[in-house]
Structure formats: structure tokens, C-alpha cells
Amino acid sequence: GKPRILQKVELDVAGLLQLQDDKPIQQLPGLSVEVSEQNHSDCTLRWYRLKPLDHVRDVTGAGDALLAGTAAAFVEGWTLPDSIFLGLICAHATLFVDGSIAQDLGPNILPKLAQLLPQLHGRHEISSRL
């Protein structure tokens, strides 16, 4: 069948990370994601299309951040789609720092995002089993 768009999400990554603690954070552009799904044979394919960014500072570590964020959320009991969104947020933040580590990402990000994403962005699927 033809791919269908499940949702379009605009995430204020800087705002979400600011809620982690009181320290000021770097300037980050928003993250735009379009989630699509397509039935194929006996499975359903889902993919996440990101709106291209005008610029990034450094791509070093973004793939690692995507995997680490996704894995950390999944291990904590988040659904796979929700875990992928956390991974995308981690990778996005990493694109705007020199080097491979975005200092604004820390251990408190999981419970904060679990509480805040549904309220801020109207996504009812994002939840945590914490």
C-alpha cells in the first residue's frame, strides 16, 4: 500500500532541555519530524523524516547520540516509537556542539521528557513506563 503520514511533530528541543535544570543552554533550532507508515507484506514499516536543517556545528557523535538515547529510553520501558523520538532529540542536540557530547543531555532527561512531551506537543503515544 501507499505510505501514510501518521503525524508531523515540531519539537522545541531547547525548551525541552531547558526544563531539565536551571542552567542556560545553547541556542538550538526546532526539530521537525514527519512519521510515516506503510504496510508491506506481513509487516508494517515506519520511518521518521527529518526536515533538513540550514546549518549544524559538528556531526561528530550524532549517530552515537541517536542510538544511545533510543536505547536508554527503550531499556527504561518506553515504546520503540517513543524511544526513537528521544534518540532524535539527543542526536539533534549533539549537532550543535563542538565535539561529540552535548552537555545539556543528562540522566534526568528521561523522566522529564516522559512527563512533558505529551503536554507540550499533543502526542498521546509518547509515554514512559517509569
Foldseek 3Di string as FASTA:
>chain_A
DDKDWPDKWKAPLLVLLCVLDPDHFDDAHIWIWIWIWDDDDPDIDIDIDTDDDPAFDDQAQLVVLQVVQLVVQVVQPQDNVLSNVRSNSRSRQQRHDPHRHRPSDDDSSNVSCQPPVCVVIVDPNRHTPD
